[in-house]
Amino acid sequence: MTQAMEDYLKTVSILASENGGEARLTDIASRLGVSKPSAFTALKVLEGRGLVEHRRYRTVRLTKAGHTAAAEIRGRYALMLTFLTTIIGVSAVTAEKDACLLEHCLSAETLGRIRALALD
């Protein structure tokens, strides 16, 4: 899955957790700073992969597979945020931006080592 698709899935997960398990297309687009047509296109890709359910003019819900994938993505983000702020002392603002970038590109081995450092 591309970084952009992971960002969409994570955003759906966050918004759904804030709104009774559902997210609105308008809110997804707004949170990511993209147009509604761009968000709609991305949701169609995620729907095609069985990660979300979305009917036009209705809310978006994560499928079971979507919940699993989103939890993994959010977990990587949380790990990187903890590592950056707690272990190496990066400011919160910078850590949020960097964690979003790093969550997508690190190998399982590197994430495992960072997890071991962050949780010791």
PDB file of N, CA and C in Angstrom:
ATOM      1  N   MET A   1       0.847  -1.174   0.000  1.00  0.00           N
ATOM      2  CA  MET A   1       0.000   0.000   0.000  1.00  0.00           C
ATOM      3  C   MET A   1       0.893   1.239   0.000  1.00  0.00           C
ATOM      4  N   THR A   2       0.514   2.243  -0.743  1.00  0.00           N
ATOM      5  CA  THR A   2       1.321   3.462  -0.828  1.00  0.00           C
ATOM      6  C   THR A   2       1.188   4.280   0.454  1.00  0.00           C
ATOM      7  N   GLN A   3       2.112   5.197   0.622  1.00  0.00           N
ATOM      8  CA  GLN A   3       2.071   6.090   1.771  1.00  0.00           C
ATOM      9  C   GLN A   3       0.752   6.863   1.793  1.00  0.00           C
ATOM     10  N   ALA A   4       0.323   7.336   0.638  1.00  0.00           N
ATOM     11  CA  ALA A   4      -0.918   8.108   0.576  1.00  0.00           C
ATOM     12  C   ALA A   4      -2.114   7.259   1.015  1.00  0.00           C
ATOM     13  N   MET A   5      -2.175   6.020   0.556  1.00  0.00           N
ATOM     14  CA  MET A   5      -3.294   5.153   0.947  1.00  0.00           C
ATOM     15  C   MET A   5      -3.254   4.850   2.439  1.00  0.00           C
ATOM     16  N   GLU A   6      -2.051   4.682   2.983  1.00  0.00           N
ATOM     17  CA  GLU A   6      -1.933   4.471   4.429  1.00  0.00           C
ATOM     18  C   GLU A   6      -2.415   5.702   5.186  1.00  0.00           C
ATOM     19  N   ASP A   7      -2.093   6.888   4.678  1.00  0.00           N
ATOM     20  CA  ASP A   7      -2.559   8.119   5.324  1.00  0.00           C
ATOM     21  C   ASP A   7      -4.077   8.220   5.289  1.00  0.00           C
ATOM     22  N   TYR A   8      -4.675   7.860   4.172  1.00  0.00           N
ATOM     23  CA  TYR A   8      -6.143   7.867   4.088  1.00  0.00           C
ATOM     24  C   TYR A   8      -6.743   6.881   5.076  1.00  0.00           C
ATOM     25  N   LEU A   9      -6.185   5.682   5.118  1.00  0.00           N
ATOM     26  CA  LEU A   9      -6.720   4.661   6.015  1.00  0.00           C
ATOM     27  C   LEU A   9      -6.574   5.094   7.469  1.00  0.00           C
ATOM     28  N   LYS A  10      -5.428   5.642   7.822  1.00  0.00           N
ATOM     29  CA  LYS A  10      -5.214   6.122   9.192  1.00  0.00           C
ATOM     30  C   LYS A  10      -6.205   7.235   9.520  1.00  0.00           C
ATOM     31  N   THR A  11      -6.435   8.134   8.585  1.00  0.00           N
ATOM     32  CA  THR A  11      -7.369   9.243   8.807  1.00  0.00           C
ATOM     33  C   THR A  11      -8.787   8.735   8.992  1.00  0.00           C
ATOM     34  N   VAL A  12      -9.205   7.779   8.173  1.00  0.00           N
ATOM     35  CA  VAL A  12     -10.537   7.188   8.353  1.00  0.00           C
ATOM     36  C   VAL A  12     -10.639   6.584   9.743  1.00  0.00           C
ATOM     37  N   SER A  13      -9.612   5.878  10.169  1.00  0.00           N
ATOM     38  CA  SER A  13      -9.601   5.244  11.481  1.00  0.00           C
ATOM     39  C   SER A  13      -9.729   6.275  12.603  1.00  0.00           C
ATOM     40  N   ILE A  14      -8.962   7.335  12.524  1.00  0.00           N
ATOM     41  CA  ILE A  14      -9.003   8.376  13.555  1.00  0.00           C
ATOM     42  C   ILE A  14     -10.378   9.034  13.592  1.00  0.00           C
ATOM     43  N   LEU A  15     -10.873   9.432  12.438  1.00  0.00           N
ATOM     44  CA  LEU A  15     -12.180  10.096  12.391  1.00  0.00           C
ATOM     45  C   LEU A  15     -13.296   9.162  12.846  1.00  0.00           C
ATOM     46  N   ALA A  16     -13.228   7.909  12.437  1.00  0.00           N
ATOM     47  CA  ALA A  16     -14.256   6.950  12.836  1.00  0.00           C
ATOM     48  C   ALA A  16     -14.237   6.747  14.354  1.00  0.00           C
ATOM     49  N   SER A  17     -13.044   6.723  14.936  1.00  0.00           N
ATOM     50  CA  SER A  17     -12.962   6.542  16.392  1.00  0.00           C
ATOM     51  C   SER A  17     -13.530   7.754  17.135  1.00  0.00           C
ATOM     52  N   GLU A  18     -13.503   8.898  16.499  1.00  0.00           N
ATOM     53  CA  GLU A  18     -14.040  10.123  17.100  1.00  0.00           C
ATOM     54  C   GLU A  18     -15.542  10.275  16.858  1.00  0.00           C
ATOM     55  N   ASN A  19     -16.097   9.502  15.911  1.00  0.00           N
ATOM     56  CA  ASN A  19     -17.478   9.724  15.470  1.00  0.00           C
ATOM     57  C   ASN A  19     -18.306   8.452  15.415  1.00  0.00           C
ATOM     58  N   GLY A  20     -18.210   7.630  16.404  1.00  0.00           N
ATOM     59  CA  GLY A  20     -19.071   6.455  16.478  1.00  0.00           C
ATOM     60  C   GLY A  20     -18.843   5.411  15.408  1.00  0.00           C
ATOM     61  N   GLY A  21     -17.623   5.298  14.912  1.00  0.00           N
ATOM     62  CA  GLY A  21     -17.300   4.262  13.946  1.00  0.00           C
ATOM     63  C   GLY A  21     -17.476   4.653  12.489  1.00  0.00           C
ATOM     64  N   GLU A  22     -17.799   5.911  12.248  1.00  0.00           N
ATOM     65  CA  GLU A  22     -18.008   6.372  10.878  1.00  0.00           C
ATOM     66  C   GLU A  22     -17.217   7.649  10.602  1.00  0.00           C
ATOM     67  N   ALA A  23     -16.837   7.821   9.359  1.00  0.00           N
ATOM     68  CA  ALA A  23     -16.144   9.033   8.926  1.00  0.00           C
ATOM     69  C   ALA A  23     -16.867   9.584   7.701  1.00  0.00           C
ATOM     70  N   ARG A  24     -16.829  10.890   7.560  1.00  0.00           N
ATOM     71  CA  ARG A  24     -17.456  11.520   6.387  1.00  0.00           C
ATOM     72  C   ARG A  24     -16.389  11.918   5.382  1.00  0.00           C
ATOM     73  N   LEU A  25     -16.720  11.802   4.128  1.00  0.00           N
ATOM     74  CA  LEU A  25     -15.808  12.158   3.040  1.00  0.00           C
ATOM     75  C   LEU A  25     -15.288  13.580   3.209  1.00  0.00           C
ATOM     76  N   THR A  26     -16.170  14.504   3.542  1.00  0.00           N
ATOM     77  CA  THR A  26     -15.778  15.898   3.719  1.00  0.00           C
ATOM     78  C   THR A  26     -14.723  16.043   4.803  1.00  0.00           C
ATOM     79  N   ASP A  27     -14.903  15.322   5.903  1.00  0.00           N
ATOM     80  CA  ASP A  27     -13.951  15.403   7.010  1.00  0.00           C
ATOM     81  C   ASP A  27     -12.612  14.774   6.642  1.00  0.00           C
ATOM     82  N   ILE A  28     -12.644  13.679   5.900  1.00  0.00           N
ATOM     83  CA  ILE A  28     -11.410  13.025   5.453  1.00  0.00           C
ATOM     84  C   ILE A  28     -10.616  13.980   4.565  1.00  0.00           C
ATOM     85  N   ALA A  29     -11.297  14.582   3.590  1.00  0.00           N
ATOM     86  CA  ALA A  29     -10.639  15.516   2.677  1.00  0.00           C
ATOM     87  C   ALA A  29     -10.068  16.706   3.441  1.00  0.00           C
ATOM     88  N   SER A  30     -10.846  17.240   4.364  1.00  0.00           N
ATOM     89  CA  SER A  30     -10.408  18.393   5.139  1.00  0.00           C
ATOM     90  C   SER A  30      -9.183  18.056   5.983  1.00  0.00           C
ATOM     91  N   ARG A  31      -9.211  16.936   6.669  1.00  0.00           N
ATOM     92  CA  ARG A  31      -8.109  16.534   7.558  1.00  0.00           C
ATOM     93  C   ARG A  31      -6.820  16.348   6.769  1.00  0.00           C
ATOM     94  N   LEU A  32      -6.930  15.821   5.547  1.00  0.00           N
ATOM     95  CA  LEU A  32      -5.739  15.568   4.738  1.00  0.00           C
ATOM     96  C   LEU A  32      -5.367  16.736   3.829  1.00  0.00           C
ATOM     97  N   GLY A  33      -6.224  17.755   3.782  1.00  0.00           N
ATOM     98  CA  GLY A  33      -5.930  18.915   2.940  1.00  0.00           C
ATOM     99  C   GLY A  33      -6.011  18.616   1.457  1.00  0.00           C
ATOM    100  N   VAL A  34      -6.966  17.762   1.081  1.00  0.00           N
ATOM    101  CA  VAL A  34      -7.157  17.407  -0.329  1.00  0.00           C
ATOM    102  C   VAL A  34      -8.590  17.724  -0.739  1.00  0.00           C
ATOM    103  N   SER A  35      -8.845  17.668  -2.029  1.00  0.00           N
ATOM    104  CA  SER A  35     -10.198  17.907  -2.518  1.00  0.00           C
ATOM    105  C   SER A  35     -11.081  16.691  -2.258  1.00  0.00           C
ATOM    106  N   LYS A  36     -12.387  16.922  -2.248  1.00  0.00           N
ATOM    107  CA  LYS A  36     -13.310  15.797  -2.061  1.00  0.00           C
ATOM    108  C   LYS A  36     -13.198  14.774  -3.196  1.00  0.00           C
ATOM    109  N   PRO A  37     -13.040  15.201  -4.451  1.00  0.00           N
ATOM    110  CA  PRO A  37     -12.858  14.200  -5.508  1.00  0.00           C
ATOM    111  C   PRO A  37     -11.595  13.345  -5.311  1.00  0.00           C
ATOM    112  N   SER A  38     -10.523  13.948  -4.827  1.00  0.00           N
ATOM    113  CA  SER A  38      -9.310  13.167  -4.559  1.00  0.00           C
ATOM    114  C   SER A  38      -9.550  12.161  -3.445  1.00  0.00           C
ATOM    115  N   ALA A  39     -10.227  12.602  -2.391  1.00  0.00           N
ATOM    116  CA  ALA A  39     -10.534  11.693  -1.282  1.00  0.00           C
ATOM    117  C   ALA A  39     -11.464  10.579  -1.750  1.00  0.00           C
ATOM    118  N   PHE A  40     -12.430  10.908  -2.582  1.00  0.00           N
ATOM    119  CA  PHE A  40     -13.358   9.904  -3.106  1.00  0.00           C
ATOM    120  C   PHE A  40     -12.602   8.840  -3.905  1.00  0.00           C
ATOM    121  N   THR A  41     -11.678   9.281  -4.741  1.00  0.00           N
ATOM    122  CA  THR A  41     -10.876   8.353  -5.538  1.00  0.00           C
ATOM    123  C   THR A  41     -10.057   7.427  -4.644  1.00  0.00           C
ATOM    124  N   ALA A  42      -9.446   7.990  -3.619  1.00  0.00           N
ATOM    125  CA  ALA A  42      -8.645   7.176  -2.697  1.00  0.00           C
ATOM    126  C   ALA A  42      -9.529   6.175  -1.957  1.00  0.00           C
ATOM    127  N   LEU A  43     -10.711   6.589  -1.548  1.00  0.00           N
ATOM    128  CA  LEU A  43     -11.617   5.685  -0.847  1.00  0.00           C
ATOM    129  C   LEU A  43     -12.050   4.535  -1.752  1.00  0.00           C
ATOM    130  N   LYS A  44     -12.198   4.807  -3.023  1.00  0.00           N
ATOM    131  CA  LYS A  44     -12.537   3.737  -3.969  1.00  0.00           C
ATOM    132  C   LYS A  44     -11.411   2.700  -4.035  1.00  0.00           C
ATOM    133  N   VAL A  45     -10.172   3.162  -3.981  1.00  0.00           N
ATOM    134  CA  VAL A  45      -9.028   2.247  -3.977  1.00  0.00           C
ATOM    135  C   VAL A  45      -9.060   1.396  -2.709  1.00  0.00           C
ATOM    136  N   LEU A  46      -9.261   2.046  -1.560  1.00  0.00           N
ATOM    137  CA  LEU A  46      -9.318   1.317  -0.289  1.00  0.00           C
ATOM    138  C   LEU A  46     -10.506   0.359  -0.255  1.00  0.00           C
ATOM    139  N   GLU A  47     -11.598   0.776  -0.838  1.00  0.00           N
ATOM    140  CA  GLU A  47     -12.772  -0.096  -0.911  1.00  0.00           C
ATOM    141  C   GLU A  47     -12.472  -1.310  -1.790  1.00  0.00           C
ATOM    142  N   GLY A  48     -11.788  -1.085  -2.889  1.00  0.00           N
ATOM    143  CA  GLY A  48     -11.403  -2.176  -3.777  1.00  0.00           C
ATOM    144  C   GLY A  48     -10.481  -3.189  -3.117  1.00  0.00           C
ATOM    145  N   ARG A  49      -9.750  -2.744  -2.122  1.00  0.00           N
ATOM    146  CA  ARG A  49      -8.853  -3.631  -1.379  1.00  0.00           C
ATOM    147  C   ARG A  49      -9.534  -4.248  -0.155  1.00  0.00           C
ATOM    148  N   GLY A  50     -10.815  -3.942   0.002  1.00  0.00           N
ATOM    149  CA  GLY A  50     -11.575  -4.520   1.104  1.00  0.00           C
ATOM    150  C   GLY A  50     -11.276  -3.912   2.462  1.00  0.00           C
ATOM    151  N   LEU A  51     -10.777  -2.683   2.485  1.00  0.00           N
ATOM    152  CA  LEU A  51     -10.401  -2.045   3.741  1.00  0.00           C
ATOM    153  C   LEU A  51     -11.451  -1.086   4.286  1.00  0.00           C
ATOM    154  N   VAL A  52     -12.284  -0.552   3.409  1.00  0.00           N
ATOM    155  CA  VAL A  52     -13.370   0.336   3.839  1.00  0.00           C
ATOM    156  C   VAL A  52     -14.639  -0.008   3.088  1.00  0.00           C
ATOM    157  N   GLU A  53     -15.744   0.403   3.672  1.00  0.00           N
ATOM    158  CA  GLU A  53     -17.045   0.352   3.008  1.00  0.00           C
ATOM    159  C   GLU A  53     -17.507   1.786   2.842  1.00  0.00           C
ATOM    160  N   HIS A  54     -17.841   2.152   1.615  1.00  0.00           N
ATOM    161  CA  HIS A  54     -18.289   3.521   1.347  1.00  0.00           C
ATOM    162  C   HIS A  54     -19.330   3.500   0.244  1.00  0.00           C
ATOM    163  N   ARG A  55     -20.476   4.018   0.581  1.00  0.00           N
ATOM    164  CA  ARG A  55     -21.493   4.211  -0.440  1.00  0.00           C
ATOM    165  C   ARG A  55     -21.628   5.702  -0.672  1.00  0.00           C
ATOM    166  N   ARG A  56     -21.753   6.067  -1.910  1.00  0.00           N
ATOM    167  CA  ARG A  56     -21.813   7.476  -2.283  1.00  0.00           C
ATOM    168  C   ARG A  56     -22.849   8.220  -1.447  1.00  0.00           C
ATOM    169  N   TYR A  57     -22.456   9.397  -0.970  1.00  0.00           N
ATOM    170  CA  TYR A  57     -23.285  10.274  -0.132  1.00  0.00           C
ATOM    171  C   TYR A  57     -23.577   9.676   1.243  1.00  0.00           C
ATOM    172  N   ARG A  58     -22.796   8.695   1.636  1.00  0.00           N
ATOM    173  CA  ARG A  58     -22.941   8.093   2.970  1.00  0.00           C
ATOM    174  C   ARG A  58     -21.588   8.115   3.666  1.00  0.00           C
ATOM    175  N   THR A  59     -21.579   7.650   4.867  1.00  0.00           N
ATOM    176  CA  THR A  59     -20.336   7.651   5.631  1.00  0.00           C
ATOM    177  C   THR A  59     -19.429   6.485   5.230  1.00  0.00           C
ATOM    178  N   VAL A  60     -18.206   6.554   5.722  1.00  0.00           N
ATOM    179  CA  VAL A  60     -17.196   5.540   5.452  1.00  0.00           C
ATOM    180  C   VAL A  60     -16.973   4.756   6.738  1.00  0.00           C
ATOM    181  N   ARG A  61     -16.874   3.444   6.608  1.00  0.00           N
ATOM    182  CA  ARG A  61     -16.597   2.571   7.741  1.00  0.00           C
ATOM    183  C   ARG A  61     -15.430   1.665   7.384  1.00  0.00           C
ATOM    184  N   LEU A  62     -14.630   1.340   8.377  1.00  0.00           N
ATOM    185  CA  LEU A  62     -13.564   0.367   8.177  1.00  0.00           C
ATOM    186  C   LEU A  62     -14.135  -1.041   8.206  1.00  0.00           C
ATOM    187  N   THR A  63     -13.612  -1.895   7.359  1.00  0.00           N
ATOM    188  CA  THR A  63     -13.943  -3.312   7.438  1.00  0.00           C
ATOM    189  C   THR A  63     -13.056  -3.940   8.517  1.00  0.00           C
ATOM    190  N   LYS A  64     -13.252  -5.220   8.773  1.00  0.00           N
ATOM    191  CA  LYS A  64     -12.397  -5.901   9.742  1.00  0.00           C
ATOM    192  C   LYS A  64     -10.933  -5.805   9.296  1.00  0.00           C
ATOM    193  N   ALA A  65     -10.681  -6.064   8.017  1.00  0.00           N
ATOM    194  CA  ALA A  65      -9.318  -5.956   7.480  1.00  0.00           C
ATOM    195  C   ALA A  65      -8.811  -4.519   7.584  1.00  0.00           C
ATOM    196  N   GLY A  66      -9.693  -3.562   7.381  1.00  0.00           N
ATOM    197  CA  GLY A  66      -9.327  -2.153   7.493  1.00  0.00           C
ATOM    198  C   GLY A  66      -8.939  -1.778   8.908  1.00  0.00           C
ATOM    199  N   HIS A  67      -9.694  -2.296   9.880  1.00  0.00           N
ATOM    200  CA  HIS A  67      -9.355  -2.056  11.288  1.00  0.00           C
ATOM    201  C   HIS A  67      -7.963  -2.596  11.601  1.00  0.00           C
ATOM    202  N   THR A  68      -7.682  -3.792  11.121  1.00  0.00           N
ATOM    203  CA  THR A  68      -6.387  -4.425  11.378  1.00  0.00           C
ATOM    204  C   THR A  68      -5.257  -3.610  10.759  1.00  0.00           C
ATOM    205  N   ALA A  69      -5.418  -3.237   9.494  1.00  0.00           N
ATOM    206  CA  ALA A  69      -4.376  -2.464   8.803  1.00  0.00           C
ATOM    207  C   ALA A  69      -4.200  -1.087   9.442  1.00  0.00           C
ATOM    208  N   ALA A  70      -5.303  -0.441   9.779  1.00  0.00           N
ATOM    209  CA  ALA A  70      -5.223   0.890  10.389  1.00  0.00           C
ATOM    210  C   ALA A  70      -4.566   0.829  11.761  1.00  0.00           C
ATOM    211  N   ALA A  71      -4.860  -0.208  12.525  1.00  0.00           N
ATOM    212  CA  ALA A  71      -4.234  -0.358  13.845  1.00  0.00           C
ATOM    213  C   ALA A  71      -2.727  -0.515  13.705  1.00  0.00           C
ATOM    214  N   GLU A  72      -2.288  -1.240  12.705  1.00  0.00           N
ATOM    215  CA  GLU A  72      -0.847  -1.408  12.474  1.00  0.00           C
ATOM    216  C   GLU A  72      -0.198  -0.071  12.118  1.00  0.00           C
ATOM    217  N   ILE A  73      -0.839   0.675  11.232  1.00  0.00           N
ATOM    218  CA  ILE A  73      -0.310   1.969  10.813  1.00  0.00           C
ATOM    219  C   ILE A  73      -0.273   2.938  11.993  1.00  0.00           C
ATOM    220  N   ARG A  74      -1.359   2.997  12.753  1.00  0.00           N
ATOM    221  CA  ARG A  74      -1.409   3.887  13.908  1.00  0.00           C
ATOM    222  C   ARG A  74      -0.392   3.468  14.970  1.00  0.00           C
ATOM    223  N   GLY A  75      -0.162   2.177  15.093  1.00  0.00           N
ATOM    224  CA  GLY A  75       0.836   1.686  16.040  1.00  0.00           C
ATOM    225  C   GLY A  75       2.241   2.107  15.647  1.00  0.00           C
ATOM    226  N   ARG A  76       2.549   2.023  14.353  1.00  0.00           N
ATOM    227  CA  ARG A  76       3.872   2.468  13.881  1.00  0.00           C
ATOM    228  C   ARG A  76       4.053   3.959  14.139  1.00  0.00           C
ATOM    229  N   TYR A  77       2.990   4.722  13.885  1.00  0.00           N
ATOM    230  CA  TYR A  77       3.045   6.173  14.126  1.00  0.00           C
ATOM    231  C   TYR A  77       3.288   6.447  15.610  1.00  0.00           C
ATOM    232  N   ALA A  78       2.534   5.793  16.477  1.00  0.00           N
ATOM    233  CA  ALA A  78       2.682   6.006  17.925  1.00  0.00           C
ATOM    234  C   ALA A  78       4.089   5.636  18.389  1.00  0.00           C
ATOM    235  N   LEU A  79       4.614   4.538  17.866  1.00  0.00           N
ATOM    236  CA  LEU A  79       5.973   4.124  18.210  1.00  0.00           C
ATOM    237  C   LEU A  79       6.977   5.190  17.802  1.00  0.00           C
ATOM    238  N   MET A  80       6.867   5.660  16.575  1.00  0.00           N
ATOM    239  CA  MET A  80       7.816   6.660  16.091  1.00  0.00           C
ATOM    240  C   MET A  80       7.681   7.958  16.876  1.00  0.00           C
ATOM    241  N   LEU A  81       6.469   8.352  17.214  1.00  0.00           N
ATOM    242  CA  LEU A  81       6.255   9.562  17.994  1.00  0.00           C
ATOM    243  C   LEU A  81       6.898   9.435  19.372  1.00  0.00           C
ATOM    244  N   THR A  82       6.707   8.299  20.014  1.00  0.00           N
ATOM    245  CA  THR A  82       7.317   8.050  21.324  1.00  0.00           C
ATOM    246  C   THR A  82       8.830   8.070  21.229  1.00  0.00           C
ATOM    247  N   PHE A  83       9.355   7.379  20.233  1.00  0.00           N
ATOM    248  CA  PHE A  83      10.803   7.331  20.053  1.00  0.00           C
ATOM    249  C   PHE A  83      11.383   8.730  19.852  1.00  0.00           C
ATOM    250  N   LEU A  84      10.768   9.489  18.971  1.00  0.00           N
ATOM    251  CA  LEU A  84      11.302  10.811  18.641  1.00  0.00           C
ATOM    252  C   LEU A  84      11.226  11.778  19.818  1.00  0.00           C
ATOM    253  N   THR A  85      10.129  11.743  20.562  1.00  0.00           N
ATOM    254  CA  THR A  85       9.984  12.694  21.666  1.00  0.00           C
ATOM    255  C   THR A  85      10.683  12.231  22.937  1.00  0.00           C
ATOM    256  N   THR A  86      10.533  10.968  23.276  1.00  0.00           N
ATOM    257  CA  THR A  86      11.038  10.473  24.552  1.00  0.00           C
ATOM    258  C   THR A  86      12.504  10.064  24.509  1.00  0.00           C
ATOM    259  N   ILE A  87      12.878   9.351  23.472  1.00  0.00           N
ATOM    260  CA  ILE A  87      14.234   8.807  23.416  1.00  0.00           C
ATOM    261  C   ILE A  87      15.250   9.828  22.916  1.00  0.00           C
ATOM    262  N   ILE A  88      14.918  10.546  21.848  1.00  0.00           N
ATOM    263  CA  ILE A  88      15.922  11.469  21.302  1.00  0.00           C
ATOM    264  C   ILE A  88      15.560  12.950  21.485  1.00  0.00           C
ATOM    265  N   GLY A  89      14.432  13.230  22.125  1.00  0.00           N
ATOM    266  CA  GLY A  89      14.118  14.594  22.534  1.00  0.00           C
ATOM    267  C   GLY A  89      13.734  15.572  21.448  1.00  0.00           C
ATOM    268  N   VAL A  90      13.117  15.092  20.389  1.00  0.00           N
ATOM    269  CA  VAL A  90      12.639  15.978  19.324  1.00  0.00           C
ATOM    270  C   VAL A  90      11.389  16.701  19.831  1.00  0.00           C
ATOM    271  N   SER A  91      11.217  17.953  19.435  1.00  0.00           N
ATOM    272  CA  SER A  91      10.035  18.709  19.857  1.00  0.00           C
ATOM    273  C   SER A  91       8.768  18.022  19.351  1.00  0.00           C
ATOM    274  N   ALA A  92       7.661  18.231  20.039  1.00  0.00           N
ATOM    275  CA  ALA A  92       6.398  17.579  19.694  1.00  0.00           C
ATOM    276  C   ALA A  92       5.952  17.915  18.271  1.00  0.00           C
ATOM    277  N   VAL A  93       6.078  19.161  17.892  1.00  0.00           N
ATOM    278  CA  VAL A  93       5.635  19.579  16.554  1.00  0.00           C
ATOM    279  C   VAL A  93       6.452  18.871  15.475  1.00  0.00           C
ATOM    280  N   THR A  94       7.758  18.871  15.628  1.00  0.00           N
ATOM    281  CA  THR A  94       8.622  18.207  14.655  1.00  0.00           C
ATOM    282  C   THR A  94       8.405  16.700  14.681  1.00  0.00           C
ATOM    283  N   ALA A  95       8.257  16.131  15.866  1.00  0.00           N
ATOM    284  CA  ALA A  95       8.069  14.688  16.003  1.00  0.00           C
ATOM    285  C   ALA A  95       6.797  14.220  15.303  1.00  0.00           C
ATOM    286  N   GLU A  96       5.727  14.991  15.380  1.00  0.00           N
ATOM    287  CA  GLU A  96       4.484  14.612  14.711  1.00  0.00           C
ATOM    288  C   GLU A  96       4.676  14.528  13.202  1.00  0.00           C
ATOM    289  N   LYS A  97       5.357  15.515  12.641  1.00  0.00           N
ATOM    290  CA  LYS A  97       5.606  15.520  11.201  1.00  0.00           C
ATOM    291  C   LYS A  97       6.527  14.371  10.794  1.00  0.00           C
ATOM    292  N   ASP A  98       7.616  14.217  11.548  1.00  0.00           N
ATOM    293  CA  ASP A  98       8.589  13.180  11.216  1.00  0.00           C
ATOM    294  C   ASP A  98       8.028  11.775  11.422  1.00  0.00           C
ATOM    295  N   ALA A  99       7.255  11.582  12.474  1.00  0.00           N
ATOM    296  CA  ALA A  99       6.655  10.270  12.732  1.00  0.00           C
ATOM    297  C   ALA A  99       5.742   9.862  11.581  1.00  0.00           C
ATOM    298  N   CYS A 100       5.020  10.824  11.031  1.00  0.00           N
ATOM    299  CA  CYS A 100       4.139  10.540   9.898  1.00  0.00           C
ATOM    300  C   CYS A 100       4.943  10.085   8.679  1.00  0.00           C
ATOM    301  N   LEU A 101       6.102  10.644   8.498  1.00  0.00           N
ATOM    302  CA  LEU A 101       6.959  10.230   7.381  1.00  0.00           C
ATOM    303  C   LEU A 101       7.602   8.872   7.641  1.00  0.00           C
ATOM    304  N   LEU A 102       8.139   8.703   8.835  1.00  0.00           N
ATOM    305  CA  LEU A 102       8.879   7.486   9.159  1.00  0.00           C
ATOM    306  C   LEU A 102       8.003   6.246   9.254  1.00  0.00           C
ATOM    307  N   GLU A 103       6.752   6.412   9.656  1.00  0.00           N
ATOM    308  CA  GLU A 103       5.870   5.256   9.829  1.00  0.00           C
ATOM    309  C   GLU A 103       5.709   4.455   8.543  1.00  0.00           C
ATOM    310  N   HIS A 104       5.959   5.086   7.418  1.00  0.00           N
ATOM    311  CA  HIS A 104       5.731   4.450   6.125  1.00  0.00           C
ATOM    312  C   HIS A 104       6.958   3.762   5.535  1.00  0.00           C
ATOM    313  N   CYS A 105       8.142   4.149   5.971  1.00  0.00           N
ATOM    314  CA  CYS A 105       9.314   3.736   5.196  1.00  0.00           C
ATOM    315  C   CYS A 105      10.324   2.855   5.934  1.00  0.00           C
ATOM    316  N   LEU A 106      10.117   2.611   7.208  1.00  0.00           N
ATOM    317  CA  LEU A 106      11.098   1.812   7.938  1.00  0.00           C
ATOM    318  C   LEU A 106      10.803   0.323   7.828  1.00  0.00           C
ATOM    319  N   SER A 107      11.852  -0.465   7.792  1.00  0.00           N
ATOM    320  CA  SER A 107      11.697  -1.913   7.705  1.00  0.00           C
ATOM    321  C   SER A 107      11.202  -2.473   9.035  1.00  0.00           C
ATOM    322  N   ALA A 108      10.709  -3.702   8.981  1.00  0.00           N
ATOM    323  CA  ALA A 108      10.248  -4.384  10.196  1.00  0.00           C
ATOM    324  C   ALA A 108      11.409  -4.542  11.187  1.00  0.00           C
ATOM    325  N   GLU A 109      12.597  -4.808  10.675  1.00  0.00           N
ATOM    326  CA  GLU A 109      13.761  -4.955  11.548  1.00  0.00           C
ATOM    327  C   GLU A 109      14.055  -3.655  12.299  1.00  0.00           C
ATOM    328  N   THR A 110      14.079  -2.549  11.556  1.00  0.00           N
ATOM    329  CA  THR A 110      14.354  -1.254  12.175  1.00  0.00           C
ATOM    330  C   THR A 110      13.262  -0.894  13.173  1.00  0.00           C
ATOM    331  N   LEU A 111      12.015  -1.108  12.809  1.00  0.00           N
ATOM    332  CA  LEU A 111      10.917  -0.820  13.729  1.00  0.00           C
ATOM    333  C   LEU A 111      11.037  -1.663  15.004  1.00  0.00           C
ATOM    334  N   GLY A 112      11.429  -2.903  14.862  1.00  0.00           N
ATOM    335  CA  GLY A 112      11.614  -3.777  16.004  1.00  0.00           C
ATOM    336  C   GLY A 112      12.697  -3.271  16.946  1.00  0.00           C
ATOM    337  N   ARG A 113      13.772  -2.807  16.389  1.00  0.00           N
ATOM    338  CA  ARG A 113      14.874  -2.274  17.209  1.00  0.00           C
ATOM    339  C   ARG A 113      14.468  -0.980  17.898  1.00  0.00           C
ATOM    340  N   ILE A 114      13.743  -0.147  17.169  1.00  0.00           N
ATOM    341  CA  ILE A 114      13.256   1.105  17.770  1.00  0.00           C
ATOM    342  C   ILE A 114      12.257   0.782  18.882  1.00  0.00           C
ATOM    343  N   ARG A 115      11.402  -0.178  18.647  1.00  0.00           N
ATOM    344  CA  ARG A 115      10.424  -0.611  19.667  1.00  0.00           C
ATOM    345  C   ARG A 115      11.160  -1.074  20.926  1.00  0.00           C
ATOM    346  N   ALA A 116      12.209  -1.846  20.748  1.00  0.00           N
ATOM    347  CA  ALA A 116      12.976  -2.335  21.895  1.00  0.00           C
ATOM    348  C   ALA A 116      13.603  -1.165  22.667  1.00  0.00           C
ATOM    349  N   LEU A 117      14.124  -0.172  21.970  1.00  0.00           N
ATOM    350  CA  LEU A 117      14.715   0.989  22.626  1.00  0.00           C
ATOM    351  C   LEU A 117      13.653   1.831  23.329  1.00  0.00           C
ATOM    352  N   ALA A 118      12.536   2.044  22.643  1.00  0.00           N
ATOM    353  CA  ALA A 118      11.487   2.930  23.165  1.00  0.00           C
ATOM    354  C   ALA A 118      10.762   2.334  24.351  1.00  0.00           C
ATOM    355  N   LEU A 119      10.667   1.027  24.407  1.00  0.00           N
ATOM    356  CA  LEU A 119       9.885   0.391  25.458  1.00  0.00           C
ATOM    357  C   LEU A 119      10.734  -0.126  26.608  1.00  0.00           C
ATOM    358  N   ASP A 120      12.044   0.029  26.526  1.00  0.00           N
ATOM    359  CA  ASP A 120      12.918  -0.401  27.638  1.00  0.00           C
ATOM    360  C   ASP A 120      12.846   0.562  28.790  1.00  0.00           C
TER     361      ASP A 120
END
